[in-house]
Amino acid sequence: MNRIFHQRFTLTSKCAISLFTLLAFYFLWNKMAIPALLVVIVIVMMIERVLHTTYTLLLDEDDVQRLVIYRGRFSKSISIRVGDIVKVTRMKAVFGLSCYLLMQYGACHLISLQPDNEELFMAELNKRQ
């Protein structure tokens, strides 16, 4: 059975999107079209990544458990065998305002995850290992 977890929309993400939106508005107000266009492209990419990032735990055709990390239309998805996951650590950032999961897999590969429900994600991951 496949299990999909969505990314959490953190306060840091909200602040970054708001700040870039204000910057784009400033550039448009001062009639600087090219910098405004570049900032709007960055905003679209940020929103796309926040809204469409998913973490899917699935069973492959070869009966191999996999974690597929899809980070939106503009980036390549990452597929990790659940058996290759060495350690998952809960980390805090930005003076403790936000937290994420730091996953170590394979030969010293690190990736950060921000599932919406961390406890349920960890439980499902431990069940599939």
Protein backbone atom coordinates (compact mmCIF):
# COMPACT_ATOMS: atom_id res chain seq x y z
CA MET A 1 0.00 0.00 0.00
CA ASN A 2 1.31 3.43 -0.93
CA ARG A 3 1.38 6.14 1.71
CA ILE A 4 1.75 9.81 0.77
CA PHE A 5 2.89 12.56 3.14
CA HIS A 6 2.84 16.23 2.14
CA GLN A 7 5.35 18.88 3.12
CA ARG A 8 4.62 21.17 6.04
CA PHE A 9 4.04 24.85 5.20
CA THR A 10 6.32 26.40 7.82
CA LEU A 11 6.51 29.92 9.17
CA THR A 12 9.90 30.32 7.51
CA SER A 13 8.42 29.48 4.10
CA LYS A 14 5.54 31.89 4.65
CA CYS A 15 7.93 34.69 5.62
CA ALA A 16 10.22 34.04 2.64
CA ILE A 17 7.33 34.06 0.17
CA SER A 18 5.93 37.24 1.76
CA LEU A 19 9.31 38.96 1.65
CA PHE A 20 9.89 38.10 -2.00
CA THR A 21 6.35 39.24 -2.84
CA LEU A 22 7.04 42.61 -1.21
CA LEU A 23 10.32 42.82 -3.13
CA ALA A 24 8.53 42.12 -6.43
CA PHE A 25 5.92 44.76 -5.56
CA TYR A 26 8.71 47.24 -4.80
CA PHE A 27 10.39 46.56 -8.14
CA LEU A 28 7.10 46.94 -10.00
CA TRP A 29 6.30 50.16 -8.12
CA ASN A 30 9.65 51.63 -9.16
CA LYS A 31 9.14 50.48 -12.78
CA MET A 32 11.99 47.97 -12.80
CA ALA A 33 10.42 45.25 -14.89
CA ILE A 34 13.33 42.84 -15.36
CA PRO A 35 14.24 42.47 -11.66
CA ALA A 36 10.52 42.20 -10.86
CA LEU A 37 10.13 39.43 -13.43
CA LEU A 38 13.10 37.53 -11.98
CA VAL A 39 11.70 37.82 -8.46
CA VAL A 40 8.25 36.67 -9.62
CA ILE A 41 9.87 33.60 -11.22
CA VAL A 42 11.58 32.84 -7.90
CA ILE A 43 8.25 33.24 -6.08
CA VAL A 44 6.53 30.83 -8.47
CA MET A 45 9.30 28.27 -7.97
CA MET A 46 9.11 28.64 -4.17
CA ILE A 47 5.32 28.21 -4.10
CA GLU A 48 5.52 25.26 -6.48
CA ARG A 49 8.06 23.53 -4.28
CA VAL A 50 6.15 24.15 -1.04
CA LEU A 51 2.76 23.09 -2.38
CA HIS A 52 3.76 20.07 -4.45
CA THR A 53 6.47 18.38 -2.39
CA THR A 54 5.39 14.88 -1.38
CA TYR A 55 7.05 11.96 0.37
CA THR A 56 5.64 8.65 -0.91
CA LEU A 57 6.34 5.32 0.74
CA LEU A 58 5.60 2.60 -1.79
CA LEU A 59 6.17 -1.04 -2.59
CA ASP A 60 8.08 -1.47 -5.87
CA GLU A 61 7.44 -4.14 -8.53
CA ASP A 62 10.39 -6.11 -7.15
CA ASP A 63 8.88 -6.11 -3.60
CA VAL A 64 11.31 -3.40 -2.51
CA GLN A 65 10.12 -0.68 -0.15
CA ARG A 66 11.00 2.78 -1.48
CA LEU A 67 10.72 6.37 -0.36
CA VAL A 68 10.10 8.65 -3.34
CA ILE A 69 10.66 12.36 -2.71
CA TYR A 70 8.92 14.54 -5.30
CA ARG A 71 9.79 18.24 -5.00
CA GLY A 72 7.54 19.75 -7.62
CA ARG A 73 7.53 20.04 -11.38
CA PHE A 74 10.82 21.91 -11.65
CA SER A 75 13.06 19.35 -9.92
CA LYS A 76 13.87 15.70 -10.30
CA SER A 77 12.32 13.17 -7.91
CA ILE A 78 14.56 11.14 -5.61
CA SER A 79 13.99 7.44 -4.96
CA ILE A 80 15.57 5.86 -1.87
CA ARG A 81 15.35 2.23 -0.81
CA VAL A 82 13.97 2.07 2.73
CA GLY A 83 16.57 -0.55 3.58
CA ASP A 84 19.34 1.94 2.74
CA ILE A 85 18.14 4.45 5.34
CA VAL A 86 20.67 4.49 8.16
CA LYS A 87 19.33 7.11 10.53
CA VAL A 88 16.61 9.76 10.77
CA THR A 89 17.20 12.59 13.25
CA ARG A 90 14.84 15.38 14.25
CA MET A 91 16.66 18.72 13.99
CA LYS A 92 15.72 22.27 14.98
CA ALA A 93 16.57 25.38 12.97
CA VAL A 94 16.14 29.15 13.14
CA PHE A 95 16.41 29.42 16.92
CA GLY A 96 13.98 26.53 17.42
CA LEU A 97 11.15 28.09 15.40
CA SER A 98 11.13 25.34 12.78
CA CYS A 99 12.17 21.71 12.75
CA TYR A 100 12.92 19.12 10.11
CA LEU A 101 14.02 15.50 9.76
CA LEU A 102 17.60 14.87 8.67
CA MET A 103 17.82 11.51 6.92
CA GLN A 104 21.10 9.70 6.34
CA TYR A 105 21.00 7.01 3.67
CA GLY A 106 23.50 5.03 1.65
CA ALA A 107 27.15 6.05 1.80
CA CYS A 108 26.96 9.32 3.77
CA HIS A 109 24.12 10.92 1.78
CA LEU A 110 22.04 13.43 3.72
CA ILE A 111 18.64 14.89 2.88
CA SER A 112 16.25 17.05 4.87
CA LEU A 113 12.54 16.28 5.03
CA GLN A 114 9.61 18.27 6.40
CA PRO A 115 6.58 15.99 6.44
CA ASP A 116 3.33 17.44 7.68
CA ASN A 117 2.97 14.82 10.43
CA GLU A 118 6.46 13.82 11.57
CA GLU A 119 5.40 11.22 14.14
CA LEU A 120 3.16 9.37 11.69
CA PHE A 121 5.87 9.54 9.01
CA MET A 122 8.48 8.10 11.39
CA ALA A 123 6.09 5.35 12.52
CA GLU A 124 5.32 4.36 8.93
CA LEU A 125 9.02 4.43 8.01
CA ASN A 126 9.95 2.24 11.00
CA LYS A 127 7.14 -0.17 10.16
CA ARG A 128 8.42 -0.58 6.60
CA GLN A 129 12.06 -1.14 7.60
